[in-house]
Amino acid sequence: MINAVIIDDEKNNIDNLKGLLLMHCPEVKVVAEALNAEEGADKIAHYEPDLIFLDIQMPGKNGFEMLQSLSNHDFEIIFVTAFDQYGIQAIKFSAIDYLLKPVNIEELKTAVAKVIEKYKKENENLRLENLLELLQNRQPKTQHRLALATAKETRFVNTEEIIRCESSNAYTSFYLTGGQKVIVSKPIFEYEELLKDYGFIRCHQSHLVNKLKVKSWIRKDGDHLLMEDNSQIPVSRNKKGIVSEALTFLKK
């Protein structure tokens, strides 16, 4: 049984979520609820829950600020929000689940199942710690860590460690410095959105590259980018303009 606390400034949202959990997620027991961040922090300290369902935008402290005020983050978290832009980039970067209101039943069941599986494997919520570091925005972008959730673990890699990403159906392979490879069960377009502000270019339908890891642009037998790991990545005809603009540091 997973003990949970729900924190949301609207009572009807709390009651709706409690009803959905009762009907569709019997493994979750709601032990407390709170209508604001201060009350939520008190309930977390008192009940020491395994899981928190947390609204982001609330009067007074928002959900992120409440998390930053806590000294202990030994719990799993699912954000529940009416907005799909506020802080979502950082949430995705840290591989944390979130639900948009009104809550979809299947998405709720999937998120809870992930939490149960993670809870079996990990005692410390490193994904949440990574999120809070990103929100504080104290580190240069090259030191931001991307959470890659594989079948066996959640791997954290600095963006500057990533040479390239390659798509294979619904999977994405990350090729890292040192010859390491990490495979994640998410499509490449999700990482294109996450990494676009970190110097990554979608040069082909199946490829996303770190422009700082490009050694040269080969214009023979089609266009290819020679990467730091000596792989040659094709450049699609319709991507040549974007790639050329991004790689102005290379001699044409």
C-alpha atoms as a PDB file:
ATOM      1  CA  MET A   1       0.000   0.000   0.000  1.00  0.00           C
ATOM      2  CA  ILE A   2       1.268   3.451  -1.002  1.00  0.00           C
ATOM      3  CA  ASN A   3       0.352   6.240   1.432  1.00  0.00           C
ATOM      4  CA  ALA A   4      -0.410   9.506  -0.362  1.00  0.00           C
ATOM      5  CA  VAL A   5      -1.067  13.175   0.382  1.00  0.00           C
ATOM      6  CA  ILE A   6      -3.029  15.374  -2.030  1.00  0.00           C
ATOM      7  CA  ILE A   7      -2.255  19.106  -2.091  1.00  0.00           C
ATOM      8  CA  ASP A   8      -4.535  21.335  -4.161  1.00  0.00           C
ATOM      9  CA  ASP A   9      -6.132  24.689  -3.457  1.00  0.00           C
ATOM     10  CA  GLU A  10      -9.527  23.523  -4.796  1.00  0.00           C
ATOM     11  CA  LYS A  11     -11.438  21.015  -2.640  1.00  0.00           C
ATOM     12  CA  ASN A  12     -13.445  19.660  -5.571  1.00  0.00           C
ATOM     13  CA  ASN A  13     -10.183  18.721  -7.349  1.00  0.00           C
ATOM     14  CA  ILE A  14      -9.043  16.840  -4.243  1.00  0.00           C
ATOM     15  CA  ASP A  15     -12.359  15.009  -3.938  1.00  0.00           C
ATOM     16  CA  ASN A  16     -12.334  14.099  -7.631  1.00  0.00           C
ATOM     17  CA  LEU A  17      -8.802  12.706  -7.456  1.00  0.00           C
ATOM     18  CA  LYS A  18      -9.584  10.760  -4.278  1.00  0.00           C
ATOM     19  CA  GLY A  19     -12.561   9.190  -6.025  1.00  0.00           C
ATOM     20  CA  LEU A  20     -10.502   8.206  -9.062  1.00  0.00           C
ATOM     21  CA  LEU A  21      -7.793   6.684  -6.881  1.00  0.00           C
ATOM     22  CA  LEU A  22     -10.355   4.729  -4.864  1.00  0.00           C
ATOM     23  CA  MET A  23     -11.915   3.288  -8.021  1.00  0.00           C
ATOM     24  CA  HIS A  24      -8.885   2.738 -10.210  1.00  0.00           C
ATOM     25  CA  CYS A  25      -5.752   2.691  -8.020  1.00  0.00           C
ATOM     26  CA  PRO A  26      -6.533   0.601  -4.924  1.00  0.00           C
ATOM     27  CA  GLU A  27      -2.811   0.394  -4.082  1.00  0.00           C
ATOM     28  CA  VAL A  28      -2.910   4.087  -3.091  1.00  0.00           C
ATOM     29  CA  LYS A  29      -4.306   5.167   0.275  1.00  0.00           C
ATOM     30  CA  VAL A  30      -4.907   8.903   0.720  1.00  0.00           C
ATOM     31  CA  VAL A  31      -3.861   9.611   4.312  1.00  0.00           C
ATOM     32  CA  ALA A  32      -4.155  13.404   4.223  1.00  0.00           C
ATOM     33  CA  GLU A  33      -5.112  16.378   2.071  1.00  0.00           C
ATOM     34  CA  ALA A  34      -4.194  20.066   2.107  1.00  0.00           C
ATOM     35  CA  LEU A  35      -5.546  23.230   0.477  1.00  0.00           C
ATOM     36  CA  ASN A  36      -2.303  25.239   0.424  1.00  0.00           C
ATOM     37  CA  ALA A  37       1.469  24.869   0.527  1.00  0.00           C
ATOM     38  CA  GLU A  38       1.912  25.618   4.240  1.00  0.00           C
ATOM     39  CA  GLU A  39      -0.693  23.067   5.250  1.00  0.00           C
ATOM     40  CA  GLY A  40       0.762  20.637   2.729  1.00  0.00           C
ATOM     41  CA  ALA A  41       4.253  20.913   4.214  1.00  0.00           C
ATOM     42  CA  ASP A  42       2.819  20.206   7.675  1.00  0.00           C
ATOM     43  CA  LYS A  43       0.940  17.127   6.437  1.00  0.00           C
ATOM     44  CA  ILE A  44       4.063  15.811   4.690  1.00  0.00           C
ATOM     45  CA  ALA A  45       6.123  16.215   7.874  1.00  0.00           C
ATOM     46  CA  HIS A  46       3.453  14.517   9.981  1.00  0.00           C
ATOM     47  CA  TYR A  47       2.454  11.602   7.731  1.00  0.00           C
ATOM     48  CA  GLU A  48       5.762  11.024   5.870  1.00  0.00           C
ATOM     49  CA  PRO A  49       3.896   9.834   2.746  1.00  0.00           C
ATOM     50  CA  ASP A  50       5.275   7.651  -0.006  1.00  0.00           C
ATOM     51  CA  LEU A  51       3.595   9.736  -2.710  1.00  0.00           C
ATOM     52  CA  ILE A  52       2.414  13.320  -3.117  1.00  0.00           C
ATOM     53  CA  PHE A  53      -0.090  14.580  -5.669  1.00  0.00           C
ATOM     54  CA  LEU A  54       0.819  18.254  -5.937  1.00  0.00           C
ATOM     55  CA  ASP A  55      -0.865  21.168  -7.664  1.00  0.00           C
ATOM     56  CA  ILE A  56       1.669  23.667  -9.017  1.00  0.00           C
ATOM     57  CA  GLN A  57      -0.102  27.010  -9.041  1.00  0.00           C
ATOM     58  CA  MET A  58      -1.663  27.859  -5.675  1.00  0.00           C
ATOM     59  CA  PRO A  59      -2.222  31.107  -3.737  1.00  0.00           C
ATOM     60  CA  GLY A  60       0.771  32.049  -1.586  1.00  0.00           C
ATOM     61  CA  LYS A  61       3.563  29.530  -2.143  1.00  0.00           C
ATOM     62  CA  ASN A  62       3.276  27.486  -5.316  1.00  0.00           C
ATOM     63  CA  GLY A  63       4.026  23.792  -5.426  1.00  0.00           C
ATOM     64  CA  PHE A  64       7.659  24.226  -6.453  1.00  0.00           C
ATOM     65  CA  GLU A  65       8.329  26.711  -3.664  1.00  0.00           C
ATOM     66  CA  MET A  66       6.798  24.317  -1.147  1.00  0.00           C
ATOM     67  CA  LEU A  67       9.100  21.528  -2.326  1.00  0.00           C
ATOM     68  CA  GLN A  68      12.128  23.793  -2.064  1.00  0.00           C
ATOM     69  CA  SER A  69      11.193  24.609   1.537  1.00  0.00           C
ATOM     70  CA  LEU A  70      11.273  20.938   2.587  1.00  0.00           C
ATOM     71  CA  SER A  71      14.441  19.501   4.090  1.00  0.00           C
ATOM     72  CA  ASN A  72      13.589  15.925   3.095  1.00  0.00           C
ATOM     73  CA  HIS A  73      12.407  14.703  -0.309  1.00  0.00           C
ATOM     74  CA  ASP A  74      12.142  10.997   0.443  1.00  0.00           C
ATOM     75  CA  PHE A  75       8.894  10.515  -1.490  1.00  0.00           C
ATOM     76  CA  GLU A  76       7.607  10.117  -5.022  1.00  0.00           C
ATOM     77  CA  ILE A  77       5.625  12.916  -6.635  1.00  0.00           C
ATOM     78  CA  ILE A  78       3.041  13.354  -9.380  1.00  0.00           C
ATOM     79  CA  PHE A  79       2.259  16.927 -10.340  1.00  0.00           C
ATOM     80  CA  VAL A  80      -1.373  17.725 -11.134  1.00  0.00           C
ATOM     81  CA  THR A  81      -1.850  20.997 -12.982  1.00  0.00           C
ATOM     82  CA  ALA A  82      -4.304  22.858 -15.196  1.00  0.00           C
ATOM     83  CA  PHE A  83      -1.441  24.370 -17.205  1.00  0.00           C
ATOM     84  CA  ASP A  84       0.863  22.563 -19.612  1.00  0.00           C
ATOM     85  CA  GLN A  85       3.663  25.127 -19.697  1.00  0.00           C
ATOM     86  CA  TYR A  86       4.462  26.328 -16.184  1.00  0.00           C
ATOM     87  CA  GLY A  87       7.559  24.411 -15.104  1.00  0.00           C
ATOM     88  CA  ILE A  88       6.710  21.456 -17.345  1.00  0.00           C
ATOM     89  CA  GLN A  89      10.040  21.668 -19.209  1.00  0.00           C
ATOM     90  CA  ALA A  90      11.973  21.121 -15.977  1.00  0.00           C
ATOM     91  CA  ILE A  91       9.565  18.368 -14.907  1.00  0.00           C
ATOM     92  CA  LYS A  92      10.090  16.481 -18.171  1.00  0.00           C
ATOM     93  CA  PHE A  93      13.850  17.057 -17.993  1.00  0.00           C
ATOM     94  CA  SER A  94      13.833  15.216 -14.656  1.00  0.00           C
ATOM     95  CA  ALA A  95      11.568  12.382 -15.889  1.00  0.00           C
ATOM     96  CA  ILE A  96       8.841  13.171 -13.338  1.00  0.00           C
ATOM     97  CA  ASP A  97       5.218  12.441 -14.177  1.00  0.00           C
ATOM     98  CA  TYR A  98       2.536  15.078 -14.329  1.00  0.00           C
ATOM     99  CA  LEU A  99      -1.192  15.012 -15.018  1.00  0.00           C
ATOM    100  CA  LEU A 100      -3.251  17.737 -16.646  1.00  0.00           C
ATOM    101  CA  LYS A 101      -6.652  18.626 -15.212  1.00  0.00           C
ATOM    102  CA  PRO A 102      -9.195  17.237 -15.712  1.00  0.00           C
ATOM    103  CA  VAL A 103      -7.330  14.051 -14.828  1.00  0.00           C
ATOM    104  CA  ASN A 104      -7.442  11.283 -17.429  1.00  0.00           C
ATOM    105  CA  ILE A 105      -8.048   7.888 -15.790  1.00  0.00           C
ATOM    106  CA  GLU A 106      -5.613   5.927 -17.960  1.00  0.00           C
ATOM    107  CA  GLU A 107      -2.870   8.522 -17.486  1.00  0.00           C
ATOM    108  CA  LEU A 108      -3.463   8.413 -13.719  1.00  0.00           C
ATOM    109  CA  LYS A 109      -3.200   4.613 -13.649  1.00  0.00           C
ATOM    110  CA  THR A 110      -0.007   4.714 -15.711  1.00  0.00           C
ATOM    111  CA  ALA A 111       1.595   7.377 -13.487  1.00  0.00           C
ATOM    112  CA  VAL A 112       0.714   5.475 -10.296  1.00  0.00           C
ATOM    113  CA  ALA A 113       2.066   2.215 -11.739  1.00  0.00           C
ATOM    114  CA  LYS A 114       5.368   3.975 -12.511  1.00  0.00           C
ATOM    115  CA  VAL A 115       5.542   5.334  -8.968  1.00  0.00           C
ATOM    116  CA  ILE A 116       4.993   1.889  -7.472  1.00  0.00           C
ATOM    117  CA  GLU A 117       7.754   0.437  -9.658  1.00  0.00           C
ATOM    118  CA  LYS A 118      10.154   3.286  -8.830  1.00  0.00           C
ATOM    119  CA  TYR A 119       9.377   3.002  -5.136  1.00  0.00           C
ATOM    120  CA  LYS A 120      10.457  -0.627  -5.177  1.00  0.00           C
ATOM    121  CA  LYS A 121      13.835   0.286  -6.678  1.00  0.00           C
ATOM    122  CA  GLU A 122      14.818   3.635  -5.205  1.00  0.00           C
ATOM    123  CA  ASN A 123      14.833   5.044  -1.687  1.00  0.00           C
ATOM    124  CA  GLU A 124      15.968   8.549  -2.570  1.00  0.00           C
ATOM    125  CA  ASN A 125      14.043  10.526  -5.196  1.00  0.00           C
ATOM    126  CA  LEU A 126      16.945  11.777  -7.288  1.00  0.00           C
ATOM    127  CA  ARG A 127      14.555  12.925 -10.028  1.00  0.00           C
ATOM    128  CA  LEU A 128      12.939  15.381  -7.626  1.00  0.00           C
ATOM    129  CA  GLU A 129      16.318  16.631  -6.426  1.00  0.00           C
ATOM    130  CA  ASN A 130      17.301  17.191 -10.051  1.00  0.00           C
ATOM    131  CA  LEU A 131      14.082  19.119 -10.688  1.00  0.00           C
ATOM    132  CA  LEU A 132      14.712  21.438  -7.740  1.00  0.00           C
ATOM    133  CA  GLU A 133      18.260  22.109  -8.949  1.00  0.00           C
ATOM    134  CA  LEU A 134      16.922  23.053 -12.385  1.00  0.00           C
ATOM    135  CA  LEU A 135      14.278  25.345 -10.900  1.00  0.00           C
ATOM    136  CA  GLN A 136      16.894  27.188  -8.839  1.00  0.00           C
ATOM    137  CA  ASN A 137      18.703  27.932 -12.128  1.00  0.00           C
ATOM    138  CA  ARG A 138      22.100  28.292 -10.441  1.00  0.00           C
ATOM    139  CA  GLN A 139      24.066  26.023 -12.761  1.00  0.00           C
ATOM    140  CA  PRO A 140      25.231  26.703 -16.316  1.00  0.00           C
ATOM    141  CA  LYS A 141      23.276  24.792 -18.932  1.00  0.00           C
ATOM    142  CA  THR A 142      26.204  22.487 -19.639  1.00  0.00           C
ATOM    143  CA  GLN A 143      25.835  21.127 -16.098  1.00  0.00           C
ATOM    144  CA  HIS A 144      22.085  20.520 -16.311  1.00  0.00           C
ATOM    145  CA  ARG A 145      21.372  16.828 -15.928  1.00  0.00           C
ATOM    146  CA  LEU A 146      18.840  15.032 -18.103  1.00  0.00           C
ATOM    147  CA  ALA A 147      17.078  12.084 -16.443  1.00  0.00           C
ATOM    148  CA  LEU A 148      16.980   9.028 -18.711  1.00  0.00           C
ATOM    149  CA  ALA A 149      14.591   6.417 -17.355  1.00  0.00           C
ATOM    150  CA  THR A 150      15.573   2.958 -18.617  1.00  0.00           C
ATOM    151  CA  ALA A 151      14.071  -0.414 -17.758  1.00  0.00           C
ATOM    152  CA  LYS A 152      16.632  -0.929 -14.972  1.00  0.00           C
ATOM    153  CA  GLU A 153      17.453   2.540 -13.640  1.00  0.00           C
ATOM    154  CA  THR A 154      17.125   6.283 -13.975  1.00  0.00           C
ATOM    155  CA  ARG A 155      20.390   7.551 -15.415  1.00  0.00           C
ATOM    156  CA  PHE A 156      21.366  11.223 -15.026  1.00  0.00           C
ATOM    157  CA  VAL A 157      23.642  12.677 -17.706  1.00  0.00           C
ATOM    158  CA  ASN A 158      24.952  16.195 -18.233  1.00  0.00           C
ATOM    159  CA  THR A 159      23.802  17.572 -21.565  1.00  0.00           C
ATOM    160  CA  GLU A 160      27.424  18.096 -22.588  1.00  0.00           C
ATOM    161  CA  GLU A 161      27.996  14.314 -22.261  1.00  0.00           C
ATOM    162  CA  ILE A 162      25.481  13.597 -25.027  1.00  0.00           C
ATOM    163  CA  ILE A 163      26.999  13.311 -28.497  1.00  0.00           C
ATOM    164  CA  ARG A 164      23.858  12.342 -30.362  1.00  0.00           C
ATOM    165  CA  CYS A 165      20.459  10.655 -30.153  1.00  0.00           C
ATOM    166  CA  GLU A 166      19.066   8.122 -32.599  1.00  0.00           C
ATOM    167  CA  SER A 167      15.451   7.061 -32.996  1.00  0.00           C
ATOM    168  CA  SER A 168      14.162   3.521 -33.461  1.00  0.00           C
ATOM    169  CA  ASN A 169      10.356   3.471 -33.491  1.00  0.00           C
ATOM    170  CA  ALA A 170       9.241   4.491 -29.969  1.00  0.00           C
ATOM    171  CA  TYR A 171      12.765   4.176 -28.532  1.00  0.00           C
ATOM    172  CA  THR A 172      15.619   6.670 -28.427  1.00  0.00           C
ATOM    173  CA  SER A 173      19.284   5.699 -28.068  1.00  0.00           C
ATOM    174  CA  PHE A 174      21.627   8.199 -26.412  1.00  0.00           C
ATOM    175  CA  TYR A 175      25.285   7.981 -27.427  1.00  0.00           C
ATOM    176  CA  LEU A 176      27.518   9.477 -24.747  1.00  0.00           C
ATOM    177  CA  THR A 177      31.143  10.474 -24.436  1.00  0.00           C
ATOM    178  CA  GLY A 178      33.273   7.480 -23.474  1.00  0.00           C
ATOM    179  CA  GLY A 179      31.369   5.170 -25.817  1.00  0.00           C
ATOM    180  CA  GLN A 180      28.377   4.590 -23.539  1.00  0.00           C
ATOM    181  CA  LYS A 181      24.869   4.025 -24.898  1.00  0.00           C
ATOM    182  CA  VAL A 182      21.570   4.456 -23.051  1.00  0.00           C
ATOM    183  CA  ILE A 183      18.227   3.335 -24.525  1.00  0.00           C
ATOM    184  CA  VAL A 184      15.015   5.025 -23.390  1.00  0.00           C
ATOM    185  CA  SER A 185      11.452   4.069 -24.286  1.00  0.00           C
ATOM    186  CA  LYS A 186      10.421   7.534 -25.465  1.00  0.00           C
ATOM    187  CA  PRO A 187      10.264   8.900 -29.031  1.00  0.00           C
ATOM    188  CA  ILE A 188      12.977  11.251 -30.209  1.00  0.00           C
ATOM    189  CA  PHE A 189      10.632  14.192 -30.779  1.00  0.00           C
ATOM    190  CA  GLU A 190      10.173  14.537 -27.003  1.00  0.00           C
ATOM    191  CA  TYR A 191      13.921  14.986 -26.556  1.00  0.00           C
ATOM    192  CA  GLU A 192      14.118  17.367 -29.518  1.00  0.00           C
ATOM    193  CA  GLU A 193      11.803  19.694 -27.573  1.00  0.00           C
ATOM    194  CA  LEU A 194      13.706  19.253 -24.301  1.00  0.00           C
ATOM    195  CA  LEU A 195      17.182  19.736 -25.794  1.00  0.00           C
ATOM    196  CA  LYS A 196      16.576  22.468 -28.349  1.00  0.00           C
ATOM    197  CA  ASP A 197      17.869  25.139 -25.956  1.00  0.00           C
ATOM    198  CA  TYR A 198      21.008  23.099 -25.246  1.00  0.00           C
ATOM    199  CA  GLY A 199      22.529  23.268 -28.718  1.00  0.00           C
ATOM    200  CA  PHE A 200      20.944  20.130 -30.196  1.00  0.00           C
ATOM    201  CA  ILE A 201      19.856  20.007 -33.839  1.00  0.00           C
ATOM    202  CA  ARG A 202      17.341  17.661 -35.482  1.00  0.00           C
ATOM    203  CA  CYS A 203      19.302  17.018 -38.674  1.00  0.00           C
ATOM    204  CA  HIS A 204      17.256  14.015 -39.793  1.00  0.00           C
ATOM    205  CA  GLN A 205      14.006  12.305 -38.938  1.00  0.00           C
ATOM    206  CA  SER A 206      15.918   9.710 -36.914  1.00  0.00           C
ATOM    207  CA  HIS A 207      18.782  11.806 -35.564  1.00  0.00           C
ATOM    208  CA  LEU A 208      19.373  14.588 -33.052  1.00  0.00           C
ATOM    209  CA  VAL A 209      22.942  15.848 -32.628  1.00  0.00           C
ATOM    210  CA  ASN A 210      24.864  18.034 -30.199  1.00  0.00           C
ATOM    211  CA  LYS A 211      26.305  20.752 -32.423  1.00  0.00           C
ATOM    212  CA  LEU A 212      29.355  21.096 -30.171  1.00  0.00           C
ATOM    213  CA  LYS A 213      30.198  17.454 -30.892  1.00  0.00           C
ATOM    214  CA  VAL A 214      30.224  17.915 -34.693  1.00  0.00           C
ATOM    215  CA  LYS A 215      33.739  17.580 -36.174  1.00  0.00           C
ATOM    216  CA  SER A 216      32.917  18.314 -39.811  1.00  0.00           C
ATOM    217  CA  TRP A 217      30.233  18.428 -42.475  1.00  0.00           C
ATOM    218  CA  ILE A 218      30.919  15.874 -45.201  1.00  0.00           C
ATOM    219  CA  ARG A 219      29.413  16.848 -48.575  1.00  0.00           C
ATOM    220  CA  LYS A 220      30.177  13.683 -50.500  1.00  0.00           C
ATOM    221  CA  ASP A 221      27.684  10.992 -51.472  1.00  0.00           C
ATOM    222  CA  GLY A 222      25.025  13.007 -49.679  1.00  0.00           C
ATOM    223  CA  ASP A 223      25.369  15.267 -46.673  1.00  0.00           C
ATOM    224  CA  HIS A 224      26.636  13.799 -43.397  1.00  0.00           C
ATOM    225  CA  LEU A 225      27.875  15.151 -40.087  1.00  0.00           C
ATOM    226  CA  LEU A 226      31.039  13.566 -38.721  1.00  0.00           C
ATOM    227  CA  MET A 227      30.609  13.398 -34.960  1.00  0.00           C
ATOM    228  CA  GLU A 228      33.097  13.277 -32.103  1.00  0.00           C
ATOM    229  CA  ASP A 229      32.577   9.492 -31.829  1.00  0.00           C
ATOM    230  CA  ASN A 230      33.387   9.187 -35.578  1.00  0.00           C
ATOM    231  CA  SER A 231      29.822   8.270 -36.466  1.00  0.00           C
ATOM    232  CA  GLN A 232      28.463   9.794 -39.670  1.00  0.00           C
ATOM    233  CA  ILE A 233      24.937  11.158 -39.297  1.00  0.00           C
ATOM    234  CA  PRO A 234      22.851  11.947 -42.392  1.00  0.00           C
ATOM    235  CA  VAL A 235      21.469  15.430 -43.000  1.00  0.00           C
ATOM    236  CA  SER A 236      18.016  15.456 -44.582  1.00  0.00           C
ATOM    237  CA  ARG A 237      17.503  17.701 -47.585  1.00  0.00           C
ATOM    238  CA  ASN A 238      14.793  19.656 -45.786  1.00  0.00           C
ATOM    239  CA  LYS A 239      17.052  20.128 -42.721  1.00  0.00           C
ATOM    240  CA  LYS A 240      20.114  21.492 -44.542  1.00  0.00           C
ATOM    241  CA  GLY A 241      19.151  25.128 -44.001  1.00  0.00           C
ATOM    242  CA  ILE A 242      18.606  24.664 -40.256  1.00  0.00           C
ATOM    243  CA  VAL A 243      21.837  22.711 -39.880  1.00  0.00           C
ATOM    244  CA  SER A 244      23.829  25.237 -41.908  1.00  0.00           C
ATOM    245  CA  GLU A 245      22.571  28.106 -39.749  1.00  0.00           C
ATOM    246  CA  ALA A 246      23.358  26.215 -36.529  1.00  0.00           C
ATOM    247  CA  LEU A 247      26.842  25.197 -37.634  1.00  0.00           C
ATOM    248  CA  THR A 248      28.183  28.580 -38.704  1.00  0.00           C
ATOM    249  CA  PHE A 249      31.436  27.768 -36.913  1.00  0.00           C
ATOM    250  CA  LEU A 250      32.234  25.075 -39.502  1.00  0.00           C
ATOM    251  CA  LYS A 251      33.990  26.062 -42.715  1.00  0.00           C
ATOM    252  CA  LYS A 252      31.672  25.757 -45.684  1.00  0.00           C
END
